């Protein structure tokens, strides 16, 4: 358990791969409400997170998600169209 936690922390993300999919909807709603880009640094992008991003895009239609690879992790980005 400690090794897994240390691996997650070493990526430099503010959330781990198991929380990332849970905040997708909040990122989408924030971008829709404010019209501004929302972004979160994560260690890994899980299949659940990718699926949540596509579902949010399909249901809300005015947003788009993208992922940028960084040196130590990934940046999840949500933009309003």
Protein backbone atom coordinates (compact mmCIF):
# COMPACT_ATOMS: atom_id res chain seq x y z
CA UNK A 1 0.00 0.00 0.00
CA UNK A 2 2.79 2.43 0.86
CA UNK A 3 4.57 1.71 -2.43
CA UNK A 4 1.39 2.41 -4.39
CA UNK A 5 0.87 5.70 -2.54
CA UNK A 6 4.47 6.74 -3.13
CA UNK A 7 4.09 5.98 -6.84
CA UNK A 8 0.97 8.17 -7.04
CA UNK A 9 2.69 11.02 -5.21
CA UNK A 10 5.78 10.78 -7.42
CA UNK A 11 3.70 11.69 -10.49
CA UNK A 12 3.08 15.13 -9.04
CA UNK A 13 -0.69 15.12 -9.50
CA UNK A 14 -3.14 16.70 -7.10
CA UNK A 15 -5.51 13.72 -7.41
CA UNK A 16 -4.81 10.04 -7.98
CA UNK A 17 -6.13 7.96 -10.86
CA UNK A 18 -9.10 6.74 -8.82
CA UNK A 19 -10.35 10.22 -7.94
CA UNK A 20 -9.83 11.75 -11.38
CA UNK A 21 -12.94 10.17 -12.91
CA UNK A 22 -15.06 11.50 -10.03
CA UNK A 23 -14.15 15.15 -10.65
CA UNK A 24 -14.79 15.14 -14.42
CA UNK A 25 -18.40 16.26 -14.04
CA UNK A 26 -17.38 19.11 -11.74
CA UNK A 27 -14.77 20.27 -14.23
CA UNK A 28 -17.39 20.19 -16.99
CA UNK A 29 -19.97 22.12 -14.98
CA UNK A 30 -17.37 24.70 -13.91
CA UNK A 31 -16.35 25.30 -17.52
CA UNK A 32 -19.97 25.60 -18.63
CA UNK A 33 -20.86 27.95 -15.80
CA UNK A 34 -17.85 30.26 -16.00
CA UNK A 35 -16.91 29.88 -19.66
CA UNK A 36 -13.32 29.39 -18.57
CA UNK A 37 -10.97 26.46 -18.93
CA UNK A 38 -10.70 24.09 -15.96
CA UNK A 39 -7.73 21.85 -15.44
CA UNK A 40 -6.39 19.32 -12.96
CA UNK A 41 -3.00 17.68 -12.67
CA UNK A 42 -3.23 13.90 -12.26
CA UNK A 43 -0.68 11.13 -11.98
CA UNK A 44 -2.36 8.67 -14.34
CA UNK A 45 -5.43 8.71 -16.59
CA UNK A 46 -7.53 5.59 -16.08
CA UNK A 47 -9.99 4.08 -18.52
CA UNK A 48 -12.78 5.18 -16.14
CA UNK A 49 -11.56 8.77 -16.42
CA UNK A 50 -11.44 8.63 -20.22
CA UNK A 51 -14.95 7.19 -20.26
CA UNK A 52 -16.25 9.86 -17.87
CA UNK A 53 -14.79 12.59 -20.10
CA UNK A 54 -16.51 11.19 -23.21
CA UNK A 55 -19.84 10.78 -21.41
CA UNK A 56 -19.66 14.38 -20.14
CA UNK A 57 -18.90 15.62 -23.66
CA UNK A 58 -21.83 13.64 -25.07
CA UNK A 59 -24.33 14.75 -22.44
CA UNK A 60 -23.35 18.41 -22.12
CA UNK A 61 -22.29 18.96 -25.76
CA UNK A 62 -20.75 22.42 -25.15
CA UNK A 63 -17.52 21.16 -23.61
CA UNK A 64 -14.50 19.24 -24.77
CA UNK A 65 -11.86 17.43 -22.74
CA UNK A 66 -8.22 16.98 -23.65
CA UNK A 67 -5.19 15.51 -21.92
CA UNK A 68 -1.63 16.83 -22.06
CA UNK A 69 1.31 14.63 -21.10
CA UNK A 70 3.70 16.38 -18.76
CA UNK A 71 7.09 15.28 -17.42
CA UNK A 72 5.66 13.67 -14.29
CA UNK A 73 1.94 13.26 -14.96
CA UNK A 74 -0.99 14.41 -17.05
CA UNK A 75 -3.01 17.61 -17.25
CA UNK A 76 -6.76 17.03 -17.69
CA UNK A 77 -8.29 20.04 -19.43
CA UNK A 78 -11.93 20.96 -19.97
CA UNK A 79 -12.83 23.81 -22.35
CA UNK A 80 -16.18 25.30 -23.21
CA UNK A 81 -16.90 25.30 -26.95
